[in-house]
Amino acid sequence: MTRYLAQHLDEILKNHREYLGYYYHPAWVDHLGEPEPSLSPIFSVYDGKLATRYLRHYIELGHERRNTPLSQVQIEALDIFDAITHDPAMRLDMMLEPGDIQFCNNYTILHSRTAFVDFDDVEKRRKLLRLWLKMPNARRLARDFPGRNGIPKSSI
């Protein structure tokens, strides 16, 4: 499932403007495999370009590890973001078939996959390769929005 960032922002501006500031405010985010959580907003704008990174579980875990509980307003903002994300009108569902390839910019879309049951037979199991590319002409990110491209900082 793919969800376009601009649609999320439009929906927030239209119906939930009072929470907008939270999404630009740094929250503690856990990056699995790193010793400490770091501060990062959900939305960031740099050189006039909007970027996002959103994994609610990582935000909750980051706040838990820093012993900084989320406020009720922060929880409400995350609940609204999740509700928008899960709205069928706000997403594009697609089925990847054998041989398909999909390129996504993790800073401009939100994506996930649905649950699946794999075959017991190893030869019949699905084969999916994930690859993070760091392009020389990639958009620049604000300093408060560290880009890791899926790679733990300790591995770089």
N, C-alpha and C. Protein backbone atom coordinates (compact mmCIF):
# COMPACT_ATOMS: atom_id res chain seq x y z
N MET A 1 0.84 -1.17 0.00
CA MET A 1 0.00 0.00 0.00
C MET A 1 0.88 1.24 0.00
N THR A 2 0.52 2.18 -0.78
CA THR A 2 1.27 3.42 -0.88
C THR A 2 0.34 4.58 -0.54
N ARG A 3 0.86 5.52 0.22
CA ARG A 3 0.10 6.71 0.59
C ARG A 3 0.96 7.92 0.28
N TYR A 4 0.40 8.84 -0.47
CA TYR A 4 1.18 10.00 -0.89
C TYR A 4 1.17 11.07 0.19
N LEU A 5 2.34 11.57 0.50
CA LEU A 5 2.53 12.54 1.56
C LEU A 5 1.69 13.79 1.38
N ALA A 6 1.64 14.32 0.17
CA ALA A 6 0.88 15.55 -0.07
C ALA A 6 -0.58 15.39 0.31
N GLN A 7 -1.15 14.22 0.07
CA GLN A 7 -2.55 13.97 0.45
C GLN A 7 -2.72 14.04 1.96
N HIS A 8 -1.76 13.49 2.70
CA HIS A 8 -1.84 13.54 4.16
C HIS A 8 -1.82 14.98 4.66
N LEU A 9 -0.88 15.74 4.12
CA LEU A 9 -0.76 17.13 4.55
C LEU A 9 -2.02 17.91 4.20
N ASP A 10 -2.57 17.70 3.02
CA ASP A 10 -3.82 18.38 2.64
C ASP A 10 -4.95 18.04 3.61
N GLU A 11 -5.07 16.78 3.98
CA GLU A 11 -6.13 16.36 4.90
C GLU A 11 -5.93 16.98 6.28
N ILE A 12 -4.70 17.03 6.75
CA ILE A 12 -4.41 17.64 8.06
C ILE A 12 -4.73 19.14 8.01
N LEU A 13 -4.30 19.82 6.95
CA LEU A 13 -4.59 21.25 6.82
C LEU A 13 -6.09 21.52 6.76
N LYS A 14 -6.83 20.65 6.12
CA LYS A 14 -8.26 20.84 5.94
C LYS A 14 -9.05 20.54 7.21
N ASN A 15 -8.72 19.47 7.91
CA ASN A 15 -9.58 18.99 9.00
C ASN A 15 -8.93 18.90 10.38
N HIS A 16 -7.60 19.04 10.45
CA HIS A 16 -6.93 18.85 11.74
C HIS A 16 -5.79 19.85 11.93
N ARG A 17 -6.00 21.06 11.49
CA ARG A 17 -4.96 22.09 11.50
C ARG A 17 -4.35 22.30 12.89
N GLU A 18 -5.14 22.09 13.94
CA GLU A 18 -4.65 22.33 15.30
C GLU A 18 -3.49 21.40 15.69
N TYR A 19 -3.31 20.29 14.96
CA TYR A 19 -2.22 19.36 15.27
C TYR A 19 -1.01 19.56 14.37
N LEU A 20 -1.10 20.44 13.42
CA LEU A 20 -0.05 20.59 12.41
C LEU A 20 1.33 20.83 13.02
N GLY A 21 1.41 21.69 14.03
CA GLY A 21 2.70 21.99 14.64
C GLY A 21 3.40 20.77 15.21
N TYR A 22 2.62 19.83 15.74
CA TYR A 22 3.25 18.63 16.31
C TYR A 22 4.04 17.86 15.26
N TYR A 23 3.50 17.77 14.06
CA TYR A 23 4.16 16.96 13.03
C TYR A 23 5.50 17.55 12.59
N TYR A 24 5.68 18.86 12.81
CA TYR A 24 6.95 19.51 12.48
C TYR A 24 7.87 19.61 13.69
N HIS A 25 7.40 19.22 14.85
CA HIS A 25 8.18 19.32 16.08
C HIS A 25 8.94 18.01 16.29
N PRO A 26 10.23 18.08 16.65
CA PRO A 26 10.99 16.85 16.84
C PRO A 26 10.42 15.97 17.95
N ALA A 27 10.37 14.68 17.67
CA ALA A 27 9.97 13.67 18.65
C ALA A 27 11.12 12.68 18.79
N TRP A 28 11.17 12.00 19.92
CA TRP A 28 12.19 10.97 20.09
C TRP A 28 11.83 9.78 19.21
N VAL A 29 12.77 9.35 18.40
CA VAL A 29 12.56 8.23 17.48
C VAL A 29 13.65 7.20 17.73
N ASP A 30 13.23 5.97 17.95
CA ASP A 30 14.20 4.89 18.11
C ASP A 30 14.58 4.37 16.73
N HIS A 31 15.85 4.16 16.53
CA HIS A 31 16.36 3.57 15.29
C HIS A 31 16.95 2.23 15.70
N LEU A 32 16.20 1.18 15.48
CA LEU A 32 16.61 -0.14 15.94
C LEU A 32 18.06 -0.41 15.55
N GLY A 33 18.83 -0.89 16.50
CA GLY A 33 20.23 -1.16 16.24
C GLY A 33 21.15 -0.03 16.62
N GLU A 34 20.60 1.10 17.04
CA GLU A 34 21.42 2.22 17.48
C GLU A 34 21.32 2.36 18.99
N PRO A 35 22.39 2.83 19.63
CA PRO A 35 22.39 2.89 21.10
C PRO A 35 21.36 3.84 21.70
N GLU A 36 21.07 4.95 21.04
CA GLU A 36 20.16 5.95 21.61
C GLU A 36 19.16 6.44 20.56
N PRO A 37 17.95 6.78 21.00
CA PRO A 37 17.00 7.44 20.09
C PRO A 37 17.51 8.83 19.70
N SER A 38 17.00 9.35 18.61
CA SER A 38 17.37 10.71 18.20
C SER A 38 16.09 11.52 18.01
N LEU A 39 16.25 12.82 17.96
CA LEU A 39 15.11 13.71 17.73
C LEU A 39 14.90 13.91 16.23
N SER A 40 13.66 13.75 15.80
CA SER A 40 13.34 13.94 14.40
C SER A 40 11.85 14.25 14.28
N PRO A 41 11.47 15.21 13.43
CA PRO A 41 10.05 15.48 13.22
C PRO A 41 9.44 14.47 12.24
N ILE A 42 8.14 14.43 12.18
CA ILE A 42 7.45 13.62 11.18
C ILE A 42 7.50 14.31 9.82
N PHE A 43 7.29 15.62 9.79
CA PHE A 43 7.39 16.43 8.57
C PHE A 43 8.57 17.38 8.68
N SER A 44 9.19 17.64 7.55
CA SER A 44 10.26 18.62 7.49
C SER A 44 10.23 19.25 6.10
N VAL A 45 10.57 20.52 6.03
CA VAL A 45 10.66 21.22 4.75
C VAL A 45 12.08 21.77 4.62
N TYR A 46 12.70 21.51 3.48
CA TYR A 46 14.03 22.03 3.21
C TYR A 46 14.10 22.34 1.72
N ASP A 47 14.66 23.48 1.37
CA ASP A 47 14.71 23.93 -0.02
C ASP A 47 13.33 23.89 -0.67
N GLY A 48 12.29 24.17 0.13
CA GLY A 48 10.93 24.20 -0.39
C GLY A 48 10.31 22.85 -0.65
N LYS A 49 10.97 21.77 -0.21
CA LYS A 49 10.46 20.42 -0.46
C LYS A 49 10.09 19.75 0.85
N LEU A 50 8.90 19.17 0.87
CA LEU A 50 8.38 18.48 2.04
C LEU A 50 8.93 17.06 2.08
N ALA A 51 9.31 16.63 3.27
CA ALA A 51 9.79 15.26 3.48
C ALA A 51 9.08 14.70 4.72
N THR A 52 9.02 13.39 4.79
CA THR A 52 8.40 12.74 5.95
C THR A 52 9.16 11.48 6.32
N ARG A 53 9.00 11.11 7.56
CA ARG A 53 9.41 9.80 8.05
C ARG A 53 8.43 9.49 9.17
N TYR A 54 7.73 8.37 9.05
CA TYR A 54 6.73 8.04 10.07
C TYR A 54 6.68 6.55 10.32
N LEU A 55 7.06 6.17 11.50
CA LEU A 55 6.87 4.83 12.03
C LEU A 55 6.44 5.02 13.47
N ARG A 56 5.16 4.94 13.72
CA ARG A 56 4.63 5.24 15.05
C ARG A 56 5.32 4.42 16.13
N HIS A 57 5.50 3.15 15.86
CA HIS A 57 6.12 2.29 16.87
C HIS A 57 7.51 2.81 17.25
N TYR A 58 8.26 3.33 16.29
CA TYR A 58 9.60 3.85 16.58
C TYR A 58 9.53 5.13 17.41
N ILE A 59 8.48 5.93 17.19
CA ILE A 59 8.28 7.13 18.01
C ILE A 59 7.94 6.73 19.44
N GLU A 60 7.00 5.81 19.59
CA GLU A 60 6.61 5.36 20.93
C GLU A 60 7.80 4.72 21.65
N LEU A 61 8.56 3.90 20.95
CA LEU A 61 9.73 3.26 21.56
C LEU A 61 10.80 4.29 21.91
N GLY A 62 11.00 5.29 21.05
CA GLY A 62 11.98 6.34 21.33
C GLY A 62 11.63 7.10 22.60
N HIS A 63 10.36 7.46 22.76
CA HIS A 63 9.92 8.17 23.96
C HIS A 63 10.03 7.27 25.19
N GLU A 64 9.72 6.01 25.03
CA GLU A 64 9.84 5.06 26.14
C GLU A 64 11.29 4.92 26.58
N ARG A 65 12.19 4.77 25.63
CA ARG A 65 13.61 4.61 25.96
C ARG A 65 14.20 5.87 26.58
N ARG A 66 13.68 7.04 26.23
CA ARG A 66 14.15 8.31 26.81
C ARG A 66 13.39 8.66 28.08
N ASN A 67 12.47 7.79 28.47
CA ASN A 67 11.65 8.02 29.67
C ASN A 67 10.94 9.37 29.57
N THR A 68 10.41 9.65 28.39
CA THR A 68 9.68 10.89 28.10
C THR A 68 8.32 10.50 27.52
N PRO A 69 7.32 10.29 28.37
CA PRO A 69 6.02 9.84 27.86
C PRO A 69 5.42 10.83 26.87
N LEU A 70 4.72 10.29 25.89
CA LEU A 70 3.98 11.14 24.95
C LEU A 70 2.82 11.79 25.69
N SER A 71 2.56 13.04 25.39
CA SER A 71 1.42 13.74 25.99
C SER A 71 0.12 13.27 25.33
N GLN A 72 -1.01 13.61 25.93
CA GLN A 72 -2.30 13.25 25.34
C GLN A 72 -2.47 13.91 23.97
N VAL A 73 -2.00 15.14 23.82
CA VAL A 73 -2.09 15.83 22.53
C VAL A 73 -1.23 15.12 21.48
N GLN A 74 -0.03 14.69 21.86
CA GLN A 74 0.83 13.96 20.93
C GLN A 74 0.18 12.65 20.50
N ILE A 75 -0.42 11.94 21.44
CA ILE A 75 -1.10 10.68 21.13
C ILE A 75 -2.27 10.94 20.18
N GLU A 76 -3.03 12.00 20.43
CA GLU A 76 -4.15 12.35 19.54
C GLU A 76 -3.63 12.66 18.13
N ALA A 77 -2.52 13.39 18.04
CA ALA A 77 -1.95 13.73 16.74
C ALA A 77 -1.52 12.46 16.00
N LEU A 78 -0.91 11.53 16.71
CA LEU A 78 -0.51 10.27 16.09
C LEU A 78 -1.73 9.45 15.68
N ASP A 79 -2.77 9.45 16.52
CA ASP A 79 -4.01 8.73 16.18
C ASP A 79 -4.63 9.29 14.90
N ILE A 80 -4.63 10.61 14.77
CA ILE A 80 -5.18 11.25 13.56
C ILE A 80 -4.34 10.87 12.35
N PHE A 81 -3.03 10.92 12.49
CA PHE A 81 -2.14 10.55 11.39
C PHE A 81 -2.41 9.11 10.96
N ASP A 82 -2.54 8.22 11.94
CA ASP A 82 -2.84 6.81 11.63
C ASP A 82 -4.19 6.67 10.94
N ALA A 83 -5.20 7.39 11.41
CA ALA A 83 -6.53 7.30 10.80
C ALA A 83 -6.48 7.74 9.34
N ILE A 84 -5.74 8.81 9.06
CA ILE A 84 -5.60 9.26 7.67
C ILE A 84 -4.86 8.20 6.86
N THR A 85 -3.81 7.65 7.44
CA THR A 85 -3.01 6.64 6.76
C THR A 85 -3.84 5.41 6.40
N HIS A 86 -4.74 5.02 7.28
CA HIS A 86 -5.52 3.80 7.05
C HIS A 86 -6.82 4.04 6.30
N ASP A 87 -7.12 5.26 5.94
CA ASP A 87 -8.33 5.57 5.18
C ASP A 87 -8.15 5.04 3.75
N PRO A 88 -9.03 4.12 3.32
CA PRO A 88 -8.90 3.55 1.97
C PRO A 88 -8.88 4.60 0.86
N ALA A 89 -9.52 5.74 1.07
CA ALA A 89 -9.52 6.79 0.06
C ALA A 89 -8.17 7.48 -0.06
N MET A 90 -7.30 7.26 0.91
CA MET A 90 -6.01 7.95 0.94
C MET A 90 -4.85 7.05 0.52
N ARG A 91 -5.16 5.87 -0.02
CA ARG A 91 -4.07 4.97 -0.34
C ARG A 91 -4.23 4.34 -1.72
N LEU A 92 -3.15 3.82 -2.20
CA LEU A 92 -3.11 3.10 -3.46
C LEU A 92 -2.65 1.69 -3.13
N ASP A 93 -3.52 0.71 -3.38
CA ASP A 93 -3.15 -0.68 -3.16
C ASP A 93 -2.66 -1.27 -4.48
N MET A 94 -1.62 -2.07 -4.40
CA MET A 94 -1.10 -2.72 -5.60
C MET A 94 -0.56 -4.09 -5.23
N MET A 95 -0.54 -4.96 -6.19
CA MET A 95 0.00 -6.30 -6.01
C MET A 95 1.26 -6.41 -6.84
N LEU A 96 2.37 -6.70 -6.19
CA LEU A 96 3.60 -6.92 -6.94
C LEU A 96 3.59 -8.36 -7.44
N GLU A 97 3.85 -8.53 -8.70
CA GLU A 97 3.89 -9.84 -9.34
C GLU A 97 5.34 -10.24 -9.55
N PRO A 98 5.60 -11.54 -9.76
CA PRO A 98 6.98 -11.96 -10.04
C PRO A 98 7.60 -11.13 -11.16
N GLY A 99 8.79 -10.63 -10.90
CA GLY A 99 9.49 -9.82 -11.88
C GLY A 99 9.25 -8.33 -11.75
N ASP A 100 8.25 -7.93 -10.95
CA ASP A 100 7.98 -6.50 -10.76
C ASP A 100 9.08 -5.85 -9.95
N ILE A 101 9.25 -4.57 -10.19
CA ILE A 101 10.18 -3.76 -9.40
C ILE A 101 9.46 -2.46 -9.06
N GLN A 102 9.67 -1.98 -7.86
CA GLN A 102 9.04 -0.74 -7.42
C GLN A 102 10.11 0.16 -6.82
N PHE A 103 10.18 1.38 -7.31
CA PHE A 103 11.09 2.37 -6.75
C PHE A 103 10.25 3.38 -5.97
N CYS A 104 10.64 3.64 -4.74
CA CYS A 104 9.92 4.59 -3.89
C CYS A 104 10.92 5.54 -3.25
N ASN A 105 10.49 6.75 -3.04
CA ASN A 105 11.27 7.69 -2.25
C ASN A 105 10.67 7.69 -0.85
N ASN A 106 11.39 7.13 0.10
CA ASN A 106 10.88 6.99 1.47
C ASN A 106 10.58 8.32 2.13
N TYR A 107 11.01 9.42 1.54
CA TYR A 107 10.76 10.72 2.14
C TYR A 107 9.54 11.42 1.54
N THR A 108 8.92 10.80 0.52
CA THR A 108 7.76 11.43 -0.11
C THR A 108 6.50 10.57 -0.07
N ILE A 109 6.64 9.31 0.29
CA ILE A 109 5.47 8.44 0.42
C ILE A 109 5.57 7.65 1.71
N LEU A 110 4.43 7.18 2.15
CA LEU A 110 4.37 6.24 3.27
C LEU A 110 3.97 4.91 2.64
N HIS A 111 4.62 3.85 3.02
CA HIS A 111 4.30 2.57 2.40
C HIS A 111 4.31 1.45 3.43
N SER A 112 3.61 0.40 3.10
CA SER A 112 3.56 -0.78 3.97
C SER A 112 3.16 -1.97 3.11
N ARG A 113 3.10 -3.11 3.73
CA ARG A 113 2.61 -4.28 3.01
C ARG A 113 1.56 -4.95 3.87
N THR A 114 0.70 -5.68 3.22
CA THR A 114 -0.33 -6.42 3.94
C THR A 114 0.26 -7.74 4.41
N ALA A 115 -0.39 -8.34 5.38
CA ALA A 115 0.06 -9.63 5.90
C ALA A 115 -0.05 -10.70 4.81
N PHE A 116 0.77 -11.70 4.91
CA PHE A 116 0.72 -12.79 3.94
C PHE A 116 1.10 -14.09 4.64
N VAL A 117 0.72 -15.19 4.03
CA VAL A 117 1.11 -16.52 4.51
C VAL A 117 2.00 -17.10 3.43
N ASP A 118 3.20 -17.47 3.81
CA ASP A 118 4.15 -18.00 2.85
C ASP A 118 4.04 -19.52 2.78
N PHE A 119 4.58 -20.09 1.74
CA PHE A 119 4.58 -21.53 1.56
C PHE A 119 5.56 -22.18 2.53
N ASP A 120 5.27 -23.41 2.95
CA ASP A 120 6.22 -24.17 3.76
C ASP A 120 7.41 -24.62 2.91
N ASP A 121 7.14 -24.95 1.66
CA ASP A 121 8.17 -25.40 0.74
C ASP A 121 9.09 -24.23 0.39
N VAL A 122 10.36 -24.37 0.70
CA VAL A 122 11.34 -23.30 0.48
C VAL A 122 11.37 -22.85 -0.98
N GLU A 123 11.22 -23.76 -1.91
CA GLU A 123 11.27 -23.42 -3.34
C GLU A 123 10.10 -22.54 -3.77
N LYS A 124 8.99 -22.61 -3.04
CA LYS A 124 7.80 -21.84 -3.41
C LYS A 124 7.67 -20.53 -2.65
N ARG A 125 8.53 -20.30 -1.66
CA ARG A 125 8.42 -19.09 -0.85
C ARG A 125 8.66 -17.84 -1.68
N ARG A 126 8.03 -16.77 -1.25
CA ARG A 126 8.21 -15.50 -1.96
C ARG A 126 9.65 -15.03 -1.80
N LYS A 127 10.10 -14.34 -2.78
CA LYS A 127 11.46 -13.79 -2.75
C LYS A 127 11.34 -12.30 -3.02
N LEU A 128 11.72 -11.53 -2.04
CA LEU A 128 11.62 -10.08 -2.15
C LEU A 128 12.94 -9.49 -1.70
N LEU A 129 13.52 -8.68 -2.53
CA LEU A 129 14.78 -8.02 -2.21
C LEU A 129 14.49 -6.55 -1.97
N ARG A 130 14.96 -6.05 -0.82
CA ARG A 130 14.85 -4.61 -0.53
C ARG A 130 16.24 -4.01 -0.67
N LEU A 131 16.28 -2.88 -1.29
CA LEU A 131 17.54 -2.21 -1.55
C LEU A 131 17.36 -0.73 -1.31
N TRP A 132 18.25 -0.13 -0.55
CA TRP A 132 18.21 1.31 -0.33
C TRP A 132 19.29 1.94 -1.19
N LEU A 133 18.88 2.82 -2.08
CA LEU A 133 19.80 3.52 -2.95
C LEU A 133 20.01 4.93 -2.44
N LYS A 134 21.24 5.36 -2.41
CA LYS A 134 21.53 6.75 -2.06
C LYS A 134 21.97 7.43 -3.36
N MET A 135 21.06 8.20 -3.91
CA MET A 135 21.28 8.82 -5.21
C MET A 135 22.10 10.10 -5.07
N PRO A 136 23.03 10.35 -5.99
CA PRO A 136 23.84 11.56 -5.90
C PRO A 136 23.01 12.84 -6.07
N ASN A 137 21.88 12.74 -6.73
CA ASN A 137 21.02 13.91 -6.94
C ASN A 137 19.80 13.89 -6.03
N ALA A 138 19.86 13.13 -4.94
CA ALA A 138 18.72 13.02 -4.02
C ALA A 138 18.43 14.36 -3.35
N ARG A 139 17.18 14.53 -2.95
CA ARG A 139 16.81 15.76 -2.26
C ARG A 139 17.61 15.89 -0.97
N ARG A 140 17.97 17.10 -0.65
CA ARG A 140 18.67 17.38 0.60
C ARG A 140 17.64 17.47 1.71
N LEU A 141 18.05 17.03 2.89
CA LEU A 141 17.15 17.03 4.05
C LEU A 141 17.63 18.04 5.08
N ALA A 142 16.68 18.57 5.83
CA ALA A 142 17.01 19.51 6.91
C ALA A 142 17.86 18.80 7.95
N ARG A 143 18.67 19.55 8.68
CA ARG A 143 19.54 18.96 9.71
C ARG A 143 18.76 18.23 10.79
N ASP A 144 17.55 18.72 11.10
CA ASP A 144 16.77 18.07 12.14
C ASP A 144 16.02 16.85 11.61
N PHE A 145 16.35 16.45 10.40
CA PHE A 145 15.69 15.32 9.75
C PHE A 145 16.77 14.40 9.19
N PRO A 146 17.50 13.72 10.07
CA PRO A 146 18.65 12.94 9.61
C PRO A 146 18.24 11.80 8.68
N GLY A 147 18.89 11.72 7.54
CA GLY A 147 18.60 10.65 6.59
C GLY A 147 19.48 9.44 6.86
N ARG A 148 18.85 8.30 7.02
CA ARG A 148 19.60 7.07 7.25
C ARG A 148 19.38 6.07 6.13
N ASN A 149 18.36 6.29 5.32
CA ASN A 149 18.08 5.40 4.21
C ASN A 149 17.95 3.94 4.64
N GLY A 150 17.39 3.72 5.83
CA GLY A 150 17.17 2.36 6.31
C GLY A 150 18.38 1.70 6.92
N ILE A 151 19.50 2.40 6.95
CA ILE A 151 20.73 1.81 7.46
C ILE A 151 21.02 2.38 8.84
N PRO A 152 21.19 1.52 9.87
CA PRO A 152 21.50 2.04 11.20
C PRO A 152 22.78 2.87 11.18
N LYS A 153 22.78 3.96 11.94
CA LYS A 153 23.93 4.87 12.00
C LYS A 153 25.20 4.12 12.38
N SER A 154 25.07 3.12 13.25
CA SER A 154 26.24 2.37 13.70
C SER A 154 26.85 1.55 12.57
N SER A 155 26.13 1.35 11.46
CA SER A 155 26.63 0.56 10.33
C SER A 155 27.25 1.41 9.24
N ILE A 156 27.12 2.74 9.35
CA ILE A 156 27.61 3.62 8.28
C ILE A 156 29.08 3.90 8.46
